N, C-alpha and C. Protein backbone atom coordinates (compact mmCIF):
# COMPACT_ATOMS: atom_id res chain seq x y z
N UNK A 1 0.82 -1.21 0.00
CA UNK A 1 0.00 0.00 0.00
C UNK A 1 0.86 1.26 0.00
N UNK A 2 1.94 1.20 0.78
CA UNK A 2 2.84 2.37 0.83
C UNK A 2 3.44 2.63 -0.55
N UNK A 3 3.85 1.52 -1.21
CA UNK A 3 4.42 1.65 -2.55
C UNK A 3 3.43 2.26 -3.52
N UNK A 4 2.20 1.76 -3.45
CA UNK A 4 1.16 2.29 -4.33
C UNK A 4 0.90 3.76 -4.03
N UNK A 5 0.95 4.13 -2.76
CA UNK A 5 0.76 5.52 -2.39
C UNK A 5 1.84 6.41 -2.95
N UNK A 6 3.09 5.91 -2.89
CA UNK A 6 4.22 6.69 -3.43
C UNK A 6 4.07 6.86 -4.93
N UNK A 7 3.69 5.77 -5.60
CA UNK A 7 3.48 5.83 -7.05
C UNK A 7 2.41 6.85 -7.40
N UNK A 8 1.33 6.84 -6.59
CA UNK A 8 0.24 7.79 -6.83
C UNK A 8 0.68 9.23 -6.67
N UNK A 9 1.49 9.48 -5.65
CA UNK A 9 1.99 10.85 -5.42
C UNK A 9 2.90 11.29 -6.56
N UNK A 10 3.80 10.39 -6.95
CA UNK A 10 4.71 10.72 -8.06
C UNK A 10 3.94 11.00 -9.34
N UNK A 11 2.93 10.17 -9.61
CA UNK A 11 2.11 10.35 -10.81
C UNK A 11 1.38 11.68 -10.76
N UNK A 12 0.86 12.02 -9.59
CA UNK A 12 0.12 13.28 -9.45
C UNK A 12 1.01 14.48 -9.70
N UNK A 13 2.31 14.31 -9.37
CA UNK A 13 3.26 15.41 -9.57
C UNK A 13 3.72 15.51 -11.01
N UNK A 14 4.00 14.35 -11.62
CA UNK A 14 4.64 14.35 -12.93
C UNK A 14 3.67 14.41 -14.11
N UNK A 15 2.51 13.78 -13.99
CA UNK A 15 1.59 13.71 -15.14
C UNK A 15 1.13 15.08 -15.62
N UNK A 16 0.72 16.00 -14.74
CA UNK A 16 0.33 17.33 -15.24
C UNK A 16 1.44 18.02 -16.03
N UNK A 17 2.68 17.85 -15.57
CA UNK A 17 3.81 18.45 -16.29
C UNK A 17 4.00 17.84 -17.66
N UNK A 18 3.83 16.52 -17.73
CA UNK A 18 3.96 15.83 -19.02
C UNK A 18 2.87 16.28 -19.99
N UNK A 19 1.66 16.45 -19.46
CA UNK A 19 0.55 16.91 -20.30
C UNK A 19 0.82 18.31 -20.82
N UNK A 20 1.31 19.19 -19.95
CA UNK A 20 1.63 20.55 -20.36
C UNK A 20 2.73 20.57 -21.42
N UNK A 21 3.77 19.75 -21.21
CA UNK A 21 4.87 19.71 -22.18
C UNK A 21 4.41 19.19 -23.53
N UNK A 22 3.53 18.20 -23.51
CA UNK A 22 3.00 17.65 -24.76
C UNK A 22 2.16 18.70 -25.49
N UNK A 23 1.35 19.42 -24.74
CA UNK A 23 0.53 20.48 -25.35
C UNK A 23 1.40 21.58 -25.92
N UNK A 24 2.42 21.96 -25.18
CA UNK A 24 3.34 23.01 -25.64
C UNK A 24 4.05 22.60 -26.93
N UNK A 25 4.50 21.35 -26.96
CA UNK A 25 5.20 20.85 -28.15
C UNK A 25 4.29 20.85 -29.37
N UNK A 26 3.03 20.46 -29.15
CA UNK A 26 2.06 20.43 -30.25
C UNK A 26 1.77 21.83 -30.76
N UNK A 27 1.57 22.78 -29.84
CA UNK A 27 1.32 24.17 -30.24
C UNK A 27 2.52 24.75 -31.00
N UNK A 28 3.72 24.43 -30.53
CA UNK A 28 4.92 24.92 -31.21
C UNK A 28 4.97 24.40 -32.64
N UNK A 29 4.69 23.12 -32.81
CA UNK A 29 4.68 22.53 -34.15
C UNK A 29 3.62 23.17 -35.03
N UNK A 30 2.45 23.39 -34.48
CA UNK A 30 1.36 24.01 -35.24
C UNK A 30 1.70 25.44 -35.64
N UNK A 31 2.36 26.15 -34.75
CA UNK A 31 2.76 27.53 -35.05
C UNK A 31 3.76 27.55 -36.20
N UNK A 32 4.79 26.74 -36.11
CA UNK A 32 5.82 26.71 -37.15
C UNK A 32 5.22 26.31 -38.50
N UNK A 33 4.29 25.36 -38.47
CA UNK A 33 3.64 24.93 -39.71
C UNK A 33 2.84 26.07 -40.32
N UNK A 34 2.08 26.79 -39.48
CA UNK A 34 1.27 27.91 -39.98
C UNK A 34 2.14 28.99 -40.59
N UNK A 35 3.23 29.32 -39.92
CA UNK A 35 4.15 30.34 -40.45
C UNK A 35 4.73 29.90 -41.79
N UNK A 36 5.08 28.63 -41.88
CA UNK A 36 5.64 28.09 -43.11
C UNK A 36 4.62 28.12 -44.24
N UNK A 37 3.38 27.76 -43.94
CA UNK A 37 2.32 27.76 -44.96
C UNK A 37 2.13 29.16 -45.53
N UNK A 38 2.09 30.16 -44.67
CA UNK A 38 1.93 31.54 -45.13
C UNK A 38 3.10 31.96 -46.01
N UNK A 39 4.31 31.72 -45.52
CA UNK A 39 5.51 32.15 -46.26
C UNK A 39 5.61 31.47 -47.61
N UNK A 40 5.34 30.16 -47.65
CA UNK A 40 5.44 29.42 -48.90
C UNK A 40 4.41 29.89 -49.92
N UNK A 41 3.20 30.21 -49.45
CA UNK A 41 2.16 30.68 -50.37
C UNK A 41 2.58 31.99 -51.03
N UNK A 42 3.14 32.90 -50.26
CA UNK A 42 3.59 34.16 -50.84
C UNK A 42 4.74 33.95 -51.81
N UNK A 43 5.62 33.02 -51.50
CA UNK A 43 6.73 32.73 -52.41
C UNK A 43 6.22 32.14 -53.72
N UNK A 44 5.23 31.29 -53.65
CA UNK A 44 4.65 30.70 -54.85
C UNK A 44 3.94 31.77 -55.69
N UNK A 45 3.25 32.68 -55.03
CA UNK A 45 2.60 33.78 -55.75
C UNK A 45 3.64 34.61 -56.48
N UNK A 46 4.74 34.89 -55.79
CA UNK A 46 5.80 35.70 -56.40
C UNK A 46 6.42 34.98 -57.61
N UNK A 47 6.61 33.67 -57.47
CA UNK A 47 7.20 32.92 -58.57
C UNK A 47 6.28 32.87 -59.79
N UNK A 48 4.98 32.99 -59.55
CA UNK A 48 4.01 33.02 -60.64
C UNK A 48 3.74 34.44 -61.14
N UNK A 49 4.51 35.37 -60.59
CA UNK A 49 4.37 36.79 -60.95
C UNK A 49 2.97 37.32 -60.61
N UNK A 50 2.44 36.84 -59.49
CA UNK A 50 1.15 37.31 -58.98
C UNK A 50 1.41 38.39 -57.94
N UNK A 51 0.65 39.45 -57.98
CA UNK A 51 0.84 40.56 -57.03
C UNK A 51 0.69 40.06 -55.60
N UNK A 52 1.68 40.35 -54.76
CA UNK A 52 1.67 39.86 -53.38
C UNK A 52 1.31 40.96 -52.38
N UNK A 53 0.96 42.13 -52.86
CA UNK A 53 0.54 43.20 -51.97
C UNK A 53 -0.97 43.15 -51.80
N UNK A 54 -1.46 42.71 -50.63
CA UNK A 54 -2.91 42.59 -50.44
C UNK A 54 -3.67 43.89 -50.68
N UNK A 55 -3.02 45.02 -50.46
CA UNK A 55 -3.71 46.30 -50.63
C UNK A 55 -3.98 46.63 -52.09
N UNK A 56 -3.35 45.89 -52.99
CA UNK A 56 -3.56 46.12 -54.42
C UNK A 56 -4.83 45.46 -54.94
N UNK A 57 -5.48 44.68 -54.10
CA UNK A 57 -6.68 43.95 -54.49
C UNK A 57 -7.93 44.67 -54.01
N UNK A 58 -8.95 44.72 -54.83
CA UNK A 58 -10.19 45.41 -54.42
C UNK A 58 -10.96 44.62 -53.37
N UNK A 59 -11.56 45.35 -52.45
CA UNK A 59 -12.44 44.74 -51.45
C UNK A 59 -11.78 43.61 -50.69
N UNK A 60 -12.49 42.50 -50.64
CA UNK A 60 -11.98 41.34 -49.90
C UNK A 60 -11.55 40.22 -50.84
N UNK A 61 -11.00 40.59 -51.98
CA UNK A 61 -10.67 39.58 -52.99
C UNK A 61 -9.31 38.93 -52.80
N UNK A 62 -8.41 39.56 -52.04
CA UNK A 62 -7.06 39.00 -51.92
C UNK A 62 -7.07 37.58 -51.36
N UNK A 63 -7.88 37.34 -50.34
CA UNK A 63 -7.83 36.03 -49.70
C UNK A 63 -8.26 34.92 -50.66
N UNK A 64 -9.11 35.25 -51.61
CA UNK A 64 -9.53 34.25 -52.59
C UNK A 64 -8.37 33.90 -53.53
N UNK A 65 -7.60 34.91 -53.94
CA UNK A 65 -6.41 34.64 -54.75
C UNK A 65 -5.40 33.84 -53.94
N UNK A 66 -5.23 34.22 -52.69
CA UNK A 66 -4.29 33.53 -51.81
C UNK A 66 -4.65 32.06 -51.65
N UNK A 67 -5.94 31.76 -51.61
CA UNK A 67 -6.38 30.38 -51.40
C UNK A 67 -5.96 29.45 -52.53
N UNK A 68 -5.69 30.03 -53.71
CA UNK A 68 -5.25 29.22 -54.85
C UNK A 68 -3.86 28.63 -54.61
N UNK A 69 -3.15 29.17 -53.63
CA UNK A 69 -1.79 28.70 -53.35
C UNK A 69 -1.73 27.87 -52.08
N UNK A 70 -2.88 27.41 -51.65
CA UNK A 70 -2.98 26.48 -50.54
C UNK A 70 -3.69 25.23 -51.05
N UNK A 71 -3.71 24.19 -50.26
CA UNK A 71 -4.30 22.92 -50.69
C UNK A 71 -5.55 22.59 -49.89
N UNK A 72 -6.63 22.31 -50.62
CA UNK A 72 -7.89 21.85 -50.01
C UNK A 72 -8.40 22.78 -48.92
N UNK A 73 -8.43 24.06 -49.21
CA UNK A 73 -8.92 25.02 -48.22
C UNK A 73 -10.44 25.16 -48.30
N UNK A 74 -11.02 25.57 -47.18
CA UNK A 74 -12.44 25.88 -47.11
C UNK A 74 -12.60 27.39 -47.01
N UNK A 75 -13.45 27.95 -47.87
CA UNK A 75 -13.71 29.39 -47.84
C UNK A 75 -14.77 29.66 -46.78
N UNK A 76 -14.34 30.32 -45.69
CA UNK A 76 -15.27 30.63 -44.60
C UNK A 76 -15.94 31.99 -44.77
N UNK A 77 -15.56 32.72 -45.81
CA UNK A 77 -16.15 34.03 -46.05
C UNK A 77 -15.54 35.12 -45.20
N UNK A 78 -16.23 36.24 -45.12
CA UNK A 78 -15.80 37.37 -44.32
C UNK A 78 -16.98 37.98 -43.61
N UNK A 79 -16.77 39.07 -42.91
CA UNK A 79 -17.88 39.68 -42.17
C UNK A 79 -18.98 40.16 -43.11
N UNK A 80 -18.60 40.62 -44.28
CA UNK A 80 -19.59 41.14 -45.21
C UNK A 80 -20.56 40.07 -45.67
N UNK A 81 -20.21 38.80 -45.44
CA UNK A 81 -21.11 37.70 -45.80
C UNK A 81 -22.16 37.44 -44.73
N UNK A 82 -22.06 38.16 -43.62
CA UNK A 82 -23.04 37.99 -42.54
C UNK A 82 -22.42 37.42 -41.29
N UNK A 83 -23.12 37.57 -40.16
CA UNK A 83 -22.60 37.01 -38.93
C UNK A 83 -23.34 35.74 -38.55
N UNK A 84 -23.08 35.26 -37.34
CA UNK A 84 -23.60 33.95 -36.96
C UNK A 84 -25.13 33.91 -36.88
N UNK A 85 -25.76 35.04 -36.80
CA UNK A 85 -27.22 35.05 -36.66
C UNK A 85 -27.94 34.88 -38.00
N UNK A 86 -27.24 35.12 -39.09
CA UNK A 86 -27.95 35.03 -40.38
C UNK A 86 -27.17 34.27 -41.46
N UNK A 87 -26.11 33.57 -41.06
CA UNK A 87 -25.34 32.83 -42.05
C UNK A 87 -24.79 31.56 -41.43
N UNK A 88 -25.01 30.46 -42.10
CA UNK A 88 -24.46 29.18 -41.66
C UNK A 88 -23.13 28.97 -42.35
N UNK A 89 -22.06 29.06 -41.59
CA UNK A 89 -20.73 28.85 -42.15
C UNK A 89 -20.34 27.38 -41.99
N UNK A 90 -19.36 26.92 -42.78
CA UNK A 90 -18.89 25.53 -42.64
C UNK A 90 -18.43 25.25 -41.22
N UNK A 91 -18.62 24.05 -40.76
CA UNK A 91 -18.21 23.67 -39.41
C UNK A 91 -16.72 23.90 -39.23
N UNK A 92 -16.37 24.52 -38.12
CA UNK A 92 -14.97 24.82 -37.83
C UNK A 92 -14.59 26.25 -38.13
N UNK A 93 -15.43 26.94 -38.91
CA UNK A 93 -15.15 28.35 -39.23
C UNK A 93 -15.57 29.24 -38.07
N UNK A 94 -14.95 30.40 -38.00
CA UNK A 94 -15.34 31.40 -37.00
C UNK A 94 -16.46 32.25 -37.56
N UNK A 95 -17.49 32.49 -36.76
CA UNK A 95 -18.60 33.34 -37.18
C UNK A 95 -18.43 34.74 -36.63
N UNK A 96 -18.39 35.70 -37.49
CA UNK A 96 -18.15 37.09 -37.09
C UNK A 96 -19.34 37.66 -36.32
N UNK A 97 -19.02 38.41 -35.26
CA UNK A 97 -20.05 39.03 -34.44
C UNK A 97 -19.58 40.40 -33.98
N UNK A 98 -19.22 41.25 -34.91
CA UNK A 98 -18.62 42.54 -34.57
C UNK A 98 -19.51 43.37 -33.67
N UNK A 99 -20.80 43.41 -33.97
CA UNK A 99 -21.68 44.31 -33.23
C UNK A 99 -22.08 43.78 -31.86
N UNK A 100 -21.92 42.48 -31.65
CA UNK A 100 -22.34 41.90 -30.37
C UNK A 100 -21.37 40.78 -30.00
N UNK A 101 -20.17 41.18 -29.63
CA UNK A 101 -19.11 40.21 -29.40
C UNK A 101 -19.24 39.56 -28.03
N UNK A 102 -19.84 38.38 -28.00
CA UNK A 102 -20.01 37.65 -26.75
C UNK A 102 -19.19 36.36 -26.75
N UNK A 103 -18.52 36.08 -27.82
CA UNK A 103 -17.61 34.95 -27.90
C UNK A 103 -16.59 35.26 -28.97
N UNK A 104 -15.52 34.49 -28.99
CA UNK A 104 -14.48 34.74 -29.98
C UNK A 104 -13.11 34.62 -29.37
N UNK A 105 -12.19 35.45 -29.83
CA UNK A 105 -10.80 35.37 -29.37
C UNK A 105 -10.53 36.40 -28.28
N UNK A 106 -10.00 35.93 -27.17
CA UNK A 106 -9.68 36.80 -26.05
C UNK A 106 -8.21 37.18 -26.08
N UNK A 107 -7.90 38.31 -25.44
CA UNK A 107 -6.51 38.68 -25.30
C UNK A 107 -5.80 37.68 -24.38
N UNK A 108 -4.49 37.76 -24.32
CA UNK A 108 -3.72 36.78 -23.56
C UNK A 108 -4.13 36.76 -22.09
N UNK A 109 -4.37 37.94 -21.52
CA UNK A 109 -4.80 38.01 -20.13
C UNK A 109 -6.20 38.60 -20.06
N UNK A 110 -6.92 38.28 -19.01
CA UNK A 110 -8.26 38.82 -18.82
C UNK A 110 -9.28 38.19 -19.74
N UNK A 111 -10.46 38.81 -19.78
CA UNK A 111 -11.57 38.26 -20.56
C UNK A 111 -12.06 39.22 -21.65
N UNK A 112 -11.27 40.22 -22.00
CA UNK A 112 -11.65 41.12 -23.09
C UNK A 112 -11.40 40.45 -24.43
N UNK A 113 -12.33 40.67 -25.36
CA UNK A 113 -12.23 40.06 -26.67
C UNK A 113 -11.44 40.92 -27.65
N UNK A 114 -10.77 40.26 -28.58
CA UNK A 114 -10.14 40.94 -29.70
C UNK A 114 -11.25 41.26 -30.69
N UNK A 115 -11.50 42.53 -30.95
CA UNK A 115 -12.58 42.91 -31.87
C UNK A 115 -12.33 42.27 -33.23
N UNK A 116 -13.32 41.52 -33.71
CA UNK A 116 -13.07 40.80 -34.96
C UNK A 116 -13.15 41.69 -36.19
N UNK A 117 -13.35 42.99 -35.99
CA UNK A 117 -13.16 43.92 -37.09
C UNK A 117 -11.71 44.04 -37.49
N UNK A 118 -10.82 43.46 -36.65
CA UNK A 118 -9.39 43.46 -36.94
C UNK A 118 -9.02 42.41 -37.98
N UNK A 119 -9.92 41.46 -38.21
CA UNK A 119 -9.58 40.37 -39.14
C UNK A 119 -10.82 39.92 -39.90
N UNK A 120 -11.47 40.88 -40.53
CA UNK A 120 -12.80 40.62 -41.11
C UNK A 120 -12.84 40.56 -42.63
N UNK A 121 -11.69 40.55 -43.29
CA UNK A 121 -11.69 40.61 -44.75
C UNK A 121 -11.36 39.28 -45.42
N UNK A 122 -11.92 38.23 -44.86
CA UNK A 122 -11.74 36.92 -45.47
C UNK A 122 -11.17 35.92 -44.48
N UNK A 123 -11.65 34.69 -44.56
CA UNK A 123 -11.23 33.64 -43.64
C UNK A 123 -11.13 32.33 -44.40
N UNK A 124 -10.03 31.62 -44.21
CA UNK A 124 -9.82 30.33 -44.85
C UNK A 124 -9.55 29.28 -43.78
N UNK A 125 -10.02 28.07 -44.02
CA UNK A 125 -9.74 26.97 -43.10
C UNK A 125 -8.94 25.90 -43.83
N UNK A 126 -7.83 25.49 -43.25
CA UNK A 126 -7.01 24.43 -43.82
C UNK A 126 -7.58 23.08 -43.41
N UNK A 127 -7.17 22.00 -44.07
CA UNK A 127 -7.72 20.68 -43.77
C UNK A 127 -7.55 20.26 -42.31
N UNK A 128 -6.50 20.75 -41.64
CA UNK A 128 -6.28 20.36 -40.24
C UNK A 128 -7.03 21.25 -39.26
N UNK A 129 -7.86 22.18 -39.77
CA UNK A 129 -8.65 23.05 -38.92
C UNK A 129 -8.04 24.41 -38.67
N UNK A 130 -6.79 24.60 -39.05
CA UNK A 130 -6.15 25.91 -38.90
C UNK A 130 -6.96 26.97 -39.64
N UNK A 131 -7.18 28.11 -38.98
CA UNK A 131 -7.91 29.22 -39.60
C UNK A 131 -6.95 30.36 -39.91
N UNK A 132 -7.10 30.91 -41.11
CA UNK A 132 -6.29 32.05 -41.55
C UNK A 132 -7.22 33.21 -41.83
N UNK A 133 -7.00 34.34 -41.14
CA UNK A 133 -7.85 35.52 -41.28
C UNK A 133 -7.07 36.65 -41.95
N UNK A 134 -7.77 37.43 -42.77
CA UNK A 134 -7.14 38.52 -43.50
C UNK A 134 -7.80 39.85 -43.14
N UNK A 135 -7.00 40.91 -43.14
CA UNK A 135 -7.54 42.24 -42.88
C UNK A 135 -6.98 43.21 -43.91
N UNK A 136 -7.74 44.28 -44.22
CA UNK A 136 -7.25 45.24 -45.21
C UNK A 136 -6.20 46.18 -44.62
N UNK A 137 -6.18 46.34 -43.32
CA UNK A 137 -5.12 47.08 -42.62
C UNK A 137 -4.75 48.40 -43.30
N UNK A 138 -5.67 49.36 -43.33
CA UNK A 138 -5.41 50.63 -44.01
C UNK A 138 -4.18 51.36 -43.47
N UNK A 139 -3.45 51.97 -44.37
CA UNK A 139 -2.27 52.74 -43.98
C UNK A 139 -2.69 53.88 -43.05
N UNK A 140 -3.87 54.44 -43.31
CA UNK A 140 -4.34 55.55 -42.47
C UNK A 140 -4.52 55.16 -41.01
N UNK A 141 -4.64 53.85 -40.75
CA UNK A 141 -4.76 53.38 -39.37
C UNK A 141 -3.41 53.12 -38.73
N UNK A 142 -2.36 53.36 -39.49
CA UNK A 142 -1.01 53.24 -38.93
C UNK A 142 -0.30 51.92 -39.16
N UNK A 143 -0.90 51.02 -39.95
CA UNK A 143 -0.26 49.73 -40.19
C UNK A 143 0.83 49.84 -41.23
N UNK A 144 2.00 49.29 -40.94
CA UNK A 144 3.09 49.29 -41.91
C UNK A 144 2.82 48.29 -43.03
N UNK A 145 2.22 47.18 -42.67
CA UNK A 145 1.88 46.17 -43.66
C UNK A 145 0.45 45.71 -43.48
N UNK A 146 0.14 44.56 -44.04
CA UNK A 146 -1.22 44.01 -43.96
C UNK A 146 -1.22 42.85 -42.97
N UNK A 147 -2.22 42.83 -42.12
CA UNK A 147 -2.29 41.84 -41.05
C UNK A 147 -2.94 40.54 -41.51
N UNK A 148 -2.34 39.44 -41.07
CA UNK A 148 -2.92 38.12 -41.24
C UNK A 148 -2.89 37.46 -39.86
N UNK A 149 -4.04 37.00 -39.40
CA UNK A 149 -4.14 36.33 -38.11
C UNK A 149 -4.33 34.83 -38.35
N UNK A 150 -3.77 34.03 -37.46
CA UNK A 150 -3.89 32.58 -37.61
C UNK A 150 -4.28 31.94 -36.28
N UNK A 151 -5.33 31.13 -36.34
CA UNK A 151 -5.70 30.27 -35.22
C UNK A 151 -5.04 28.93 -35.51
N UNK A 152 -3.96 28.64 -34.80
CA UNK A 152 -3.11 27.51 -35.19
C UNK A 152 -3.70 26.14 -34.87
N UNK A 153 -4.71 26.08 -34.00
CA UNK A 153 -5.29 24.77 -33.69
C UNK A 153 -6.80 24.71 -33.94
N UNK A 154 -7.34 25.71 -34.61
CA UNK A 154 -8.75 25.70 -34.97
C UNK A 154 -9.64 26.29 -33.90
N UNK A 155 -10.77 26.85 -34.33
CA UNK A 155 -11.63 27.56 -33.40
C UNK A 155 -12.30 26.65 -32.39
N UNK A 156 -12.50 25.39 -32.74
CA UNK A 156 -13.16 24.47 -31.82
C UNK A 156 -12.24 24.01 -30.70
N UNK A 157 -10.95 24.31 -30.81
CA UNK A 157 -9.98 23.96 -29.76
C UNK A 157 -9.69 25.21 -28.94
N UNK A 158 -9.83 25.10 -27.66
CA UNK A 158 -9.60 26.22 -26.76
C UNK A 158 -8.10 26.37 -26.47
N UNK A 159 -7.66 27.49 -25.89
CA UNK A 159 -8.50 28.51 -25.26
C UNK A 159 -8.86 29.69 -26.17
N UNK A 160 -8.39 29.68 -27.41
CA UNK A 160 -8.66 30.80 -28.32
C UNK A 160 -8.21 32.13 -27.71
N UNK A 161 -6.93 32.15 -27.33
CA UNK A 161 -6.35 33.35 -26.75
C UNK A 161 -5.22 33.89 -27.62
N UNK A 162 -5.19 35.20 -27.73
CA UNK A 162 -4.18 35.92 -28.50
C UNK A 162 -2.81 35.70 -27.85
N UNK A 163 -1.91 35.06 -28.57
CA UNK A 163 -0.60 34.78 -28.02
C UNK A 163 -0.45 33.39 -27.46
N UNK A 164 -1.54 32.63 -27.45
CA UNK A 164 -1.54 31.24 -26.98
C UNK A 164 -1.74 30.30 -28.16
N UNK A 165 -2.88 30.46 -28.85
CA UNK A 165 -3.14 29.67 -30.05
C UNK A 165 -3.67 30.54 -31.20
N UNK A 166 -3.59 31.84 -31.01
CA UNK A 166 -4.06 32.81 -32.01
C UNK A 166 -2.97 33.87 -32.15
N UNK A 167 -2.47 34.05 -33.37
CA UNK A 167 -1.29 34.90 -33.56
C UNK A 167 -1.45 35.84 -34.75
N UNK A 168 -0.71 36.93 -34.69
CA UNK A 168 -0.75 37.94 -35.75
C UNK A 168 0.56 37.97 -36.52
N UNK A 169 0.44 37.98 -37.84
CA UNK A 169 1.57 38.15 -38.75
C UNK A 169 1.33 39.42 -39.56
N UNK A 170 2.39 39.97 -40.12
CA UNK A 170 2.26 41.18 -40.92
C UNK A 170 3.01 40.99 -42.23
N UNK A 171 2.32 41.26 -43.33
CA UNK A 171 2.91 41.12 -44.66
C UNK A 171 3.45 42.47 -45.09
N UNK A 172 4.75 42.55 -45.29
CA UNK A 172 5.42 43.79 -45.70
C UNK A 172 6.26 43.49 -46.92
N UNK A 173 5.98 44.17 -48.01
CA UNK A 173 6.72 43.97 -49.28
C UNK A 173 6.73 42.50 -49.69
N UNK A 174 5.61 41.83 -49.54
CA UNK A 174 5.49 40.46 -50.01
C UNK A 174 6.11 39.41 -49.11
N UNK A 175 6.65 39.81 -47.96
CA UNK A 175 7.25 38.87 -47.02
C UNK A 175 6.41 38.81 -45.74
N UNK A 176 6.36 37.62 -45.14
CA UNK A 176 5.57 37.43 -43.93
C UNK A 176 6.45 37.54 -42.70
N UNK A 177 6.09 38.45 -41.81
CA UNK A 177 6.81 38.63 -40.56
C UNK A 177 5.91 38.30 -39.38
N UNK A 178 6.50 37.73 -38.35
CA UNK A 178 5.77 37.55 -37.11
C UNK A 178 5.64 38.92 -36.45
N UNK A 179 4.42 39.28 -36.07
CA UNK A 179 4.25 40.58 -35.43
C UNK A 179 5.14 40.63 -34.19
N UNK A 180 5.88 41.72 -34.09
CA UNK A 180 6.87 41.85 -33.03
C UNK A 180 8.27 41.84 -33.58
N UNK A 181 8.46 41.27 -34.79
CA UNK A 181 9.77 41.31 -35.43
C UNK A 181 10.18 42.75 -35.71
N UNK A 182 11.47 42.96 -35.83
CA UNK A 182 11.98 44.28 -36.15
C UNK A 182 11.41 44.75 -37.48
N UNK A 183 10.89 45.96 -37.50
CA UNK A 183 10.32 46.52 -38.71
C UNK A 183 8.82 46.38 -38.82
N UNK A 184 8.21 45.57 -37.93
CA UNK A 184 6.75 45.44 -37.95
C UNK A 184 6.12 46.60 -37.18
N UNK A 185 4.83 46.74 -37.30
CA UNK A 185 4.13 47.86 -36.67
C UNK A 185 4.34 47.88 -35.16
N UNK A 186 4.21 46.71 -34.53
CA UNK A 186 4.45 46.61 -33.09
C UNK A 186 5.70 45.77 -32.85
N UNK A 187 6.83 46.42 -32.66
CA UNK A 187 8.05 45.68 -32.37
C UNK A 187 8.01 45.20 -30.91
N UNK A 188 8.53 44.01 -30.69
CA UNK A 188 8.44 43.40 -29.37
C UNK A 188 9.30 44.14 -28.34
N UNK A 189 8.68 44.39 -27.20
CA UNK A 189 9.38 44.95 -26.05
C UNK A 189 9.65 43.80 -25.10
N UNK A 190 10.89 43.38 -25.02
CA UNK A 190 11.23 42.18 -24.26
C UNK A 190 10.90 42.31 -22.78
N UNK A 191 10.68 43.53 -22.30
CA UNK A 191 10.37 43.72 -20.89
C UNK A 191 8.88 43.54 -20.60
N UNK A 192 8.07 43.49 -21.64
CA UNK A 192 6.62 43.35 -21.47
C UNK A 192 6.29 41.87 -21.31
N UNK A 193 5.87 41.47 -20.12
CA UNK A 193 5.63 40.06 -19.85
C UNK A 193 4.46 39.48 -20.62
N UNK A 194 3.56 40.31 -21.10
CA UNK A 194 2.40 39.81 -21.84
C UNK A 194 2.52 40.07 -23.34
N UNK A 195 3.68 40.48 -23.80
CA UNK A 195 3.91 40.84 -25.20
C UNK A 195 2.73 41.63 -25.79
N UNK A 196 2.48 42.76 -25.14
CA UNK A 196 1.37 43.64 -25.52
C UNK A 196 0.04 42.88 -25.53
N UNK A 197 -0.12 42.02 -24.54
CA UNK A 197 -1.34 41.23 -24.36
C UNK A 197 -1.67 40.35 -25.56
N UNK A 198 -0.63 39.95 -26.27
CA UNK A 198 -0.81 39.02 -27.38
C UNK A 198 -0.26 39.50 -28.69
N UNK A 199 -0.18 40.81 -28.89
CA UNK A 199 0.17 41.35 -30.19
C UNK A 199 1.53 40.90 -30.68
N UNK A 200 2.54 40.96 -29.85
CA UNK A 200 3.89 40.65 -30.32
C UNK A 200 4.34 39.24 -29.94
N UNK A 201 3.41 38.44 -29.46
CA UNK A 201 3.76 37.08 -29.05
C UNK A 201 4.24 36.22 -30.22
N UNK A 202 3.80 36.52 -31.42
CA UNK A 202 4.21 35.71 -32.58
C UNK A 202 5.72 35.73 -32.74
N UNK A 203 6.32 36.89 -32.50
CA UNK A 203 7.77 37.00 -32.62
C UNK A 203 8.47 36.12 -31.59
N UNK A 204 7.93 36.10 -30.37
CA UNK A 204 8.52 35.26 -29.33
C UNK A 204 8.30 33.78 -29.61
N UNK A 205 7.10 33.46 -30.11
CA UNK A 205 6.81 32.06 -30.43
C UNK A 205 7.74 31.54 -31.51
N UNK A 206 8.12 32.42 -32.41
CA UNK A 206 9.04 32.03 -33.49
C UNK A 206 10.48 31.93 -32.99
N UNK A 207 10.85 32.81 -32.09
CA UNK A 207 12.26 32.91 -31.71
C UNK A 207 12.66 32.25 -30.41
N UNK A 208 11.69 31.88 -29.57
CA UNK A 208 12.01 31.29 -28.27
C UNK A 208 11.54 29.84 -28.23
N UNK A 209 12.47 28.92 -28.09
CA UNK A 209 12.12 27.50 -28.13
C UNK A 209 11.23 27.08 -26.96
N UNK A 210 11.29 27.82 -25.86
CA UNK A 210 10.49 27.47 -24.69
C UNK A 210 9.26 28.36 -24.53
N UNK A 211 8.92 29.13 -25.56
CA UNK A 211 7.81 30.07 -25.43
C UNK A 211 6.52 29.36 -25.05
N UNK A 212 6.18 28.30 -25.76
CA UNK A 212 4.90 27.64 -25.51
C UNK A 212 4.87 26.93 -24.16
N UNK A 213 6.01 26.46 -23.69
CA UNK A 213 6.05 25.87 -22.36
C UNK A 213 5.66 26.91 -21.32
N UNK A 214 6.17 28.11 -21.49
CA UNK A 214 5.86 29.18 -20.53
C UNK A 214 4.41 29.60 -20.61
N UNK A 215 3.90 29.74 -21.84
CA UNK A 215 2.53 30.25 -21.99
C UNK A 215 1.49 29.22 -21.55
N UNK A 216 1.75 27.95 -21.80
CA UNK A 216 0.81 26.90 -21.39
C UNK A 216 0.77 26.80 -19.87
N UNK A 217 1.91 26.98 -19.25
CA UNK A 217 1.98 26.89 -17.79
C UNK A 217 1.31 28.07 -17.12
N UNK A 218 1.42 29.25 -17.73
CA UNK A 218 0.96 30.48 -17.08
C UNK A 218 -0.48 30.84 -17.37
N UNK A 219 -0.94 30.55 -18.61
CA UNK A 219 -2.27 31.00 -19.00
C UNK A 219 -3.19 29.84 -19.33
N UNK A 220 -4.47 30.09 -19.22
CA UNK A 220 -5.49 29.09 -19.53
C UNK A 220 -6.37 29.57 -20.68
């Protein structure tokens, strides 16, 4: 009985850590894959002499052109196609609710939502459930490039937090940068423990091998 008790105590101590490490490793892999998918698509567009500046496309048409350089994607539409109250989107897609945001993506800390007007110009779903969101990112709003947001594990997988499983990239001169990289609109401040509450976490996720271990342990 004593032996079994010791085994139980050891298991109680070690199993949660193993689960966290496994989750962190999976998120890291999903992040790297998403970044690679975006970068490769832009490179393929460039090799085909297709315009890679999203601002050169009218309305919300860029994401449709972009989808031609991905495999087996699902077109989830954009906000202009309607929100969850009047449009049935494919399962796994995010339903826009700009005017009445009661669910969606939260910032890294707290329970405030990321306004989905930030990523409302088209949404694609990859076969593994990864969601890619596009925004027009007007220069007048101060954006250096065009924003692309990625839900690396799909909307049906929680916690749907900015900087945990939801990240921002910025397209500048046809190249994809993790938000927070040097030259992006929000450069990372290494002293900010929440990476601007999610905004510059993509840069850390790309550059720090233990980033996801820390974020999984600290946030829910």
